Amino acid sequence: MNFKLHAVCDGQGRPLIMLVSEGQMSDHKVAALMIDAFPKAKALLADRGYDADWFRTALEQRGITTFIPSKTNRKVPIPHDTVLYRQRHKVEKMFGKLKDWRRIHTRYDRCAQTFMSAICINATVIF
């Protein structure tokens, strides 16, 4: 079984919310599970996998501005601020720090619960 880690970080790249899902599950479906736990924020930077109209609407209702690039197959692309979107490197650095642990990088754990436990320990050290 393969796993995919989804995370919400603060402006400093520290993990706030993390969720492990099946590798074949689409990102915006996982966002539905995480949206109630989102902290109060002014903006959300996310990659193309989270581009869904319902997700953008739910975030706007919470007063969160979205900076999500449109998927390539979207008929009418939604513009985004590319300068602000570059700040997403903080999220990528957080994932890099998590993968510094060999256990997480090589995904030794066959059980999602054990894998998530190792990620939580590592995230505590990062925070």
N, C-alpha and C. Protein backbone atom coordinates (compact mmCIF):
# COMPACT_ATOMS: atom_id res chain seq x y z
N MET A 1 0.85 -1.18 0.00
CA MET A 1 0.00 0.00 0.00
C MET A 1 0.89 1.23 0.00
N ASN A 2 0.50 2.23 -0.76
CA ASN A 2 1.26 3.48 -0.73
C ASN A 2 0.45 4.55 -0.01
N PHE A 3 1.15 5.50 0.56
CA PHE A 3 0.53 6.56 1.34
C PHE A 3 0.88 7.90 0.74
N LYS A 4 0.02 8.87 1.01
CA LYS A 4 0.27 10.25 0.61
C LYS A 4 0.05 11.12 1.84
N LEU A 5 0.98 12.01 2.10
CA LEU A 5 0.87 12.88 3.25
C LEU A 5 0.36 14.25 2.81
N HIS A 6 -0.67 14.73 3.48
CA HIS A 6 -1.23 16.06 3.24
C HIS A 6 -0.97 16.88 4.49
N ALA A 7 -0.57 18.12 4.31
CA ALA A 7 -0.23 18.95 5.47
C ALA A 7 -0.66 20.39 5.26
N VAL A 8 -0.99 21.03 6.37
CA VAL A 8 -1.25 22.47 6.40
C VAL A 8 -0.17 23.05 7.30
N CYS A 9 0.50 24.09 6.81
CA CYS A 9 1.60 24.71 7.55
C CYS A 9 1.28 26.17 7.84
N ASP A 10 1.97 26.71 8.81
CA ASP A 10 1.84 28.14 9.07
C ASP A 10 2.82 28.91 8.18
N GLY A 11 2.91 30.20 8.36
CA GLY A 11 3.77 31.03 7.54
C GLY A 11 5.25 30.76 7.70
N GLN A 12 5.63 30.06 8.76
CA GLN A 12 7.03 29.74 9.01
C GLN A 12 7.39 28.33 8.55
N GLY A 13 6.44 27.63 7.97
CA GLY A 13 6.72 26.29 7.48
C GLY A 13 6.62 25.21 8.55
N ARG A 14 5.95 25.51 9.65
CA ARG A 14 5.76 24.51 10.71
C ARG A 14 4.45 23.77 10.48
N PRO A 15 4.45 22.45 10.60
CA PRO A 15 3.23 21.68 10.34
C PRO A 15 2.17 21.91 11.40
N LEU A 16 0.95 22.17 10.96
CA LEU A 16 -0.17 22.37 11.87
C LEU A 16 -1.17 21.22 11.80
N ILE A 17 -1.51 20.81 10.59
CA ILE A 17 -2.45 19.72 10.36
C ILE A 17 -1.80 18.74 9.40
N MET A 18 -1.89 17.47 9.72
CA MET A 18 -1.34 16.44 8.83
C MET A 18 -2.33 15.29 8.73
N LEU A 19 -2.41 14.73 7.54
CA LEU A 19 -3.31 13.62 7.30
C LEU A 19 -2.67 12.69 6.27
N VAL A 20 -2.73 11.41 6.54
CA VAL A 20 -2.22 10.42 5.60
C VAL A 20 -3.41 9.81 4.88
N SER A 21 -3.30 9.70 3.55
CA SER A 21 -4.37 9.10 2.77
C SER A 21 -3.79 8.04 1.84
N GLU A 22 -4.67 7.35 1.17
CA GLU A 22 -4.25 6.38 0.16
C GLU A 22 -3.55 7.14 -0.96
N GLY A 23 -2.59 6.49 -1.57
CA GLY A 23 -1.84 7.15 -2.63
C GLY A 23 -2.67 7.51 -3.84
N GLN A 24 -3.72 6.75 -4.13
CA GLN A 24 -4.52 7.01 -5.32
C GLN A 24 -5.69 7.96 -5.06
N MET A 25 -5.87 8.41 -3.82
CA MET A 25 -6.96 9.32 -3.50
C MET A 25 -6.60 10.74 -3.94
N SER A 26 -7.53 11.44 -4.58
CA SER A 26 -7.23 12.79 -5.08
C SER A 26 -7.12 13.78 -3.92
N ASP A 27 -6.32 14.80 -4.12
CA ASP A 27 -6.00 15.76 -3.07
C ASP A 27 -7.22 16.53 -2.59
N HIS A 28 -8.07 16.95 -3.50
CA HIS A 28 -9.20 17.77 -3.07
C HIS A 28 -10.22 16.98 -2.26
N LYS A 29 -10.25 15.67 -2.38
CA LYS A 29 -11.13 14.86 -1.53
C LYS A 29 -10.61 14.83 -0.09
N VAL A 30 -9.30 14.82 0.06
CA VAL A 30 -8.70 14.86 1.39
C VAL A 30 -8.91 16.22 2.02
N ALA A 31 -8.93 17.26 1.21
CA ALA A 31 -9.16 18.61 1.72
C ALA A 31 -10.51 18.71 2.42
N ALA A 32 -11.48 17.95 1.95
CA ALA A 32 -12.81 17.94 2.58
C ALA A 32 -12.72 17.42 4.01
N LEU A 33 -11.79 16.50 4.25
CA LEU A 33 -11.62 15.95 5.60
C LEU A 33 -10.87 16.92 6.51
N MET A 34 -10.04 17.77 5.93
CA MET A 34 -9.19 18.65 6.73
C MET A 34 -9.77 20.05 6.91
N ILE A 35 -10.74 20.44 6.13
CA ILE A 35 -11.18 21.84 6.09
C ILE A 35 -11.76 22.32 7.43
N ASP A 36 -12.38 21.45 8.19
CA ASP A 36 -12.94 21.88 9.47
C ASP A 36 -11.85 22.19 10.50
N ALA A 37 -10.68 21.63 10.32
CA ALA A 37 -9.58 21.85 11.27
C ALA A 37 -8.66 23.00 10.86
N PHE A 38 -8.94 23.65 9.73
CA PHE A 38 -8.08 24.74 9.27
C PHE A 38 -8.02 25.85 10.32
N PRO A 39 -6.83 26.39 10.56
CA PRO A 39 -6.73 27.53 11.48
C PRO A 39 -7.21 28.80 10.79
N LYS A 40 -7.42 29.84 11.57
CA LYS A 40 -7.80 31.12 10.98
C LYS A 40 -6.61 31.66 10.20
N ALA A 41 -6.86 32.03 8.98
CA ALA A 41 -5.78 32.51 8.12
C ALA A 41 -6.35 33.52 7.13
N LYS A 42 -5.47 34.30 6.53
CA LYS A 42 -5.87 35.26 5.50
C LYS A 42 -5.76 34.65 4.12
N ALA A 43 -4.78 33.75 3.94
CA ALA A 43 -4.54 33.18 2.61
C ALA A 43 -4.16 31.72 2.72
N LEU A 44 -4.41 30.99 1.63
CA LEU A 44 -4.02 29.59 1.53
C LEU A 44 -3.30 29.38 0.21
N LEU A 45 -2.09 28.84 0.29
CA LEU A 45 -1.32 28.49 -0.89
C LEU A 45 -1.37 26.98 -1.02
N ALA A 46 -1.77 26.50 -2.19
CA ALA A 46 -1.87 25.06 -2.40
C ALA A 46 -1.49 24.74 -3.84
N ASP A 47 -1.18 23.48 -4.10
CA ASP A 47 -0.81 23.10 -5.46
C ASP A 47 -2.05 22.75 -6.27
N ARG A 48 -1.84 22.40 -7.51
CA ARG A 48 -2.95 22.16 -8.45
C ARG A 48 -3.90 21.05 -8.03
N GLY A 49 -3.42 20.12 -7.25
CA GLY A 49 -4.27 19.00 -6.83
C GLY A 49 -5.47 19.43 -6.01
N TYR A 50 -5.38 20.60 -5.39
CA TYR A 50 -6.47 21.10 -4.55
C TYR A 50 -7.38 22.06 -5.31
N ASP A 51 -7.25 22.14 -6.61
CA ASP A 51 -8.07 23.03 -7.42
C ASP A 51 -9.45 22.40 -7.64
N ALA A 52 -10.41 22.86 -6.86
CA ALA A 52 -11.80 22.42 -7.00
C ALA A 52 -12.69 23.61 -6.63
N ASP A 53 -13.76 23.78 -7.37
CA ASP A 53 -14.65 24.93 -7.14
C ASP A 53 -15.24 24.92 -5.74
N TRP A 54 -15.67 23.74 -5.26
CA TRP A 54 -16.28 23.67 -3.93
C TRP A 54 -15.27 24.03 -2.85
N PHE A 55 -13.99 23.67 -3.04
CA PHE A 55 -12.96 23.98 -2.06
C PHE A 55 -12.69 25.48 -2.02
N ARG A 56 -12.61 26.10 -3.18
CA ARG A 56 -12.41 27.54 -3.24
C ARG A 56 -13.58 28.28 -2.58
N THR A 57 -14.79 27.83 -2.84
CA THR A 57 -15.98 28.45 -2.26
C THR A 57 -15.99 28.30 -0.74
N ALA A 58 -15.66 27.11 -0.25
CA ALA A 58 -15.65 26.88 1.20
C ALA A 58 -14.62 27.77 1.89
N LEU A 59 -13.48 27.96 1.25
CA LEU A 59 -12.46 28.81 1.84
C LEU A 59 -12.87 30.28 1.81
N GLU A 60 -13.52 30.70 0.73
CA GLU A 60 -14.01 32.09 0.65
C GLU A 60 -15.05 32.37 1.72
N GLN A 61 -15.89 31.39 2.03
CA GLN A 61 -16.89 31.56 3.08
C GLN A 61 -16.23 31.73 4.45
N ARG A 62 -15.04 31.18 4.61
CA ARG A 62 -14.29 31.32 5.86
C ARG A 62 -13.43 32.59 5.86
N GLY A 63 -13.43 33.33 4.76
CA GLY A 63 -12.65 34.55 4.67
C GLY A 63 -11.19 34.32 4.31
N ILE A 64 -10.91 33.18 3.69
CA ILE A 64 -9.55 32.83 3.31
C ILE A 64 -9.40 33.01 1.80
N THR A 65 -8.41 33.81 1.41
CA THR A 65 -8.12 34.02 -0.01
C THR A 65 -7.29 32.85 -0.51
N THR A 66 -7.65 32.31 -1.67
CA THR A 66 -6.93 31.15 -2.20
C THR A 66 -5.95 31.57 -3.29
N PHE A 67 -4.80 30.94 -3.26
CA PHE A 67 -3.78 31.09 -4.29
C PHE A 67 -3.44 29.69 -4.78
N ILE A 68 -4.32 29.17 -5.60
CA ILE A 68 -4.18 27.81 -6.13
C ILE A 68 -4.15 27.91 -7.65
N PRO A 69 -3.09 27.41 -8.28
CA PRO A 69 -3.06 27.42 -9.75
C PRO A 69 -4.15 26.51 -10.30
N SER A 70 -4.69 26.87 -11.43
CA SER A 70 -5.73 26.06 -12.06
C SER A 70 -5.13 24.79 -12.65
N LYS A 71 -5.93 23.73 -12.64
CA LYS A 71 -5.50 22.51 -13.31
C LYS A 71 -5.41 22.78 -14.81
N THR A 72 -4.60 22.02 -15.48
CA THR A 72 -4.41 22.24 -16.92
C THR A 72 -5.67 21.91 -17.72
N ASN A 73 -6.54 21.05 -17.19
CA ASN A 73 -7.74 20.68 -17.93
C ASN A 73 -8.95 21.57 -17.60
N ARG A 74 -8.77 22.61 -16.81
CA ARG A 74 -9.87 23.53 -16.48
C ARG A 74 -10.19 24.36 -17.72
N LYS A 75 -11.47 24.45 -18.08
CA LYS A 75 -11.88 25.16 -19.29
C LYS A 75 -11.61 26.65 -19.19
N VAL A 76 -11.94 27.24 -18.05
CA VAL A 76 -11.67 28.67 -17.84
C VAL A 76 -10.67 28.77 -16.68
N PRO A 77 -9.39 29.01 -16.99
CA PRO A 77 -8.38 29.09 -15.92
C PRO A 77 -8.65 30.23 -14.96
N ILE A 78 -8.40 29.98 -13.69
CA ILE A 78 -8.57 31.00 -12.66
C ILE A 78 -7.19 31.60 -12.37
N PRO A 79 -7.05 32.91 -12.51
CA PRO A 79 -5.72 33.52 -12.28
C PRO A 79 -5.35 33.47 -10.80
N HIS A 80 -4.04 33.44 -10.53
CA HIS A 80 -3.53 33.46 -9.17
C HIS A 80 -2.29 34.35 -9.11
N ASP A 81 -1.96 34.82 -7.95
CA ASP A 81 -0.80 35.68 -7.75
C ASP A 81 0.46 34.83 -7.72
N THR A 82 1.25 34.89 -8.79
CA THR A 82 2.44 34.04 -8.89
C THR A 82 3.53 34.48 -7.93
N VAL A 83 3.58 35.76 -7.58
CA VAL A 83 4.60 36.25 -6.64
C VAL A 83 4.35 35.66 -5.26
N LEU A 84 3.11 35.72 -4.79
CA LEU A 84 2.78 35.16 -3.48
C LEU A 84 2.87 33.63 -3.50
N TYR A 85 2.53 33.03 -4.63
CA TYR A 85 2.56 31.58 -4.72
C TYR A 85 3.97 31.02 -4.53
N ARG A 86 4.97 31.82 -4.80
CA ARG A 86 6.36 31.38 -4.62
C ARG A 86 6.68 31.11 -3.16
N GLN A 87 5.89 31.64 -2.25
CA GLN A 87 6.10 31.39 -0.83
C GLN A 87 5.79 29.94 -0.44
N ARG A 88 5.27 29.18 -1.38
CA ARG A 88 4.94 27.78 -1.11
C ARG A 88 6.19 26.94 -0.87
N HIS A 89 7.36 27.52 -1.14
CA HIS A 89 8.60 26.78 -0.89
C HIS A 89 8.74 26.41 0.58
N LYS A 90 8.09 27.16 1.47
CA LYS A 90 8.15 26.85 2.90
C LYS A 90 7.49 25.51 3.18
N VAL A 91 6.42 25.21 2.47
CA VAL A 91 5.75 23.91 2.63
C VAL A 91 6.66 22.80 2.11
N GLU A 92 7.29 23.03 0.98
CA GLU A 92 8.18 22.02 0.40
C GLU A 92 9.40 21.79 1.30
N LYS A 93 9.88 22.83 1.95
CA LYS A 93 10.99 22.67 2.89
C LYS A 93 10.55 21.84 4.10
N MET A 94 9.30 22.04 4.55
CA MET A 94 8.79 21.26 5.67
C MET A 94 8.75 19.78 5.31
N PHE A 95 8.29 19.47 4.09
CA PHE A 95 8.28 18.07 3.65
C PHE A 95 9.71 17.54 3.56
N GLY A 96 10.64 18.36 3.15
CA GLY A 96 12.04 17.95 3.10
C GLY A 96 12.59 17.64 4.48
N LYS A 97 12.22 18.45 5.48
CA LYS A 97 12.66 18.20 6.85
C LYS A 97 12.07 16.90 7.38
N LEU A 98 10.81 16.64 7.04
CA LEU A 98 10.20 15.37 7.47
C LEU A 98 10.94 14.18 6.86
N LYS A 99 11.35 14.32 5.61
CA LYS A 99 12.01 13.22 4.92
C LYS A 99 13.48 13.08 5.30
N ASP A 100 13.99 13.97 6.16
CA ASP A 100 15.34 13.78 6.68
C ASP A 100 15.43 12.50 7.52
N TRP A 101 14.32 12.12 8.09
CA TRP A 101 14.29 10.87 8.84
C TRP A 101 14.18 9.72 7.85
N ARG A 102 15.11 8.83 7.92
CA ARG A 102 15.19 7.72 6.96
C ARG A 102 13.92 6.87 6.97
N ARG A 103 13.36 6.69 8.15
CA ARG A 103 12.15 5.88 8.29
C ARG A 103 10.99 6.45 7.46
N ILE A 104 10.88 7.76 7.41
CA ILE A 104 9.80 8.41 6.66
C ILE A 104 10.15 8.46 5.18
N HIS A 105 11.39 8.80 4.88
CA HIS A 105 11.82 8.93 3.49
C HIS A 105 11.66 7.62 2.72
N THR A 106 12.05 6.50 3.33
CA THR A 106 11.99 5.21 2.65
C THR A 106 10.67 4.48 2.89
N ARG A 107 9.83 5.03 3.76
CA ARG A 107 8.50 4.46 4.05
C ARG A 107 8.58 3.00 4.45
N TYR A 108 9.35 2.77 5.51
CA TYR A 108 9.50 1.40 6.02
C TYR A 108 8.19 0.82 6.53
N ASP A 109 7.36 1.65 7.12
CA ASP A 109 6.15 1.17 7.77
C ASP A 109 5.11 0.74 6.75
N ARG A 110 4.57 -0.44 6.98
CA ARG A 110 3.52 -0.95 6.09
C ARG A 110 2.14 -0.52 6.57
N CYS A 111 2.05 -0.13 7.80
CA CYS A 111 0.78 0.27 8.39
C CYS A 111 0.70 1.81 8.40
N ALA A 112 -0.40 2.35 7.94
CA ALA A 112 -0.57 3.81 7.88
C ALA A 112 -0.52 4.44 9.26
N GLN A 113 -1.02 3.74 10.26
CA GLN A 113 -1.03 4.28 11.62
C GLN A 113 0.39 4.42 12.16
N THR A 114 1.24 3.45 11.90
CA THR A 114 2.63 3.52 12.35
C THR A 114 3.39 4.59 11.58
N PHE A 115 3.12 4.69 10.29
CA PHE A 115 3.74 5.72 9.45
C PHE A 115 3.37 7.11 9.96
N MET A 116 2.10 7.31 10.28
CA MET A 116 1.64 8.61 10.77
C MET A 116 2.23 8.91 12.15
N SER A 117 2.42 7.89 12.96
CA SER A 117 3.04 8.10 14.28
C SER A 117 4.45 8.63 14.14
N ALA A 118 5.22 8.05 13.22
CA ALA A 118 6.59 8.53 12.99
C ALA A 118 6.58 9.96 12.46
N ILE A 119 5.63 10.29 11.61
CA ILE A 119 5.53 11.65 11.07
C ILE A 119 5.19 12.63 12.20
N CYS A 120 4.30 12.26 13.10
CA CYS A 120 3.92 13.14 14.19
C CYS A 120 5.09 13.40 15.14
N ILE A 121 5.88 12.38 15.41
CA ILE A 121 7.06 12.58 16.25
C ILE A 121 8.02 13.54 15.59
N ASN A 122 8.25 13.35 14.31
CA ASN A 122 9.15 14.20 13.56
C ASN A 122 8.60 15.64 13.47
N ALA A 123 7.31 15.79 13.27
CA ALA A 123 6.69 17.11 13.18
C ALA A 123 6.81 17.85 14.51
N THR A 124 6.75 17.13 15.61
CA THR A 124 6.91 17.75 16.92
C THR A 124 8.32 18.31 17.07
N VAL A 125 9.30 17.57 16.57
CA VAL A 125 10.68 18.04 16.62
C VAL A 125 10.85 19.27 15.74
N ILE A 126 10.24 19.28 14.57
CA ILE A 126 10.33 20.42 13.65
C ILE A 126 9.68 21.65 14.27
N PHE A 127 8.53 21.46 14.92
CA PHE A 127 7.80 22.60 15.47
C PHE A 127 8.59 23.23 16.60
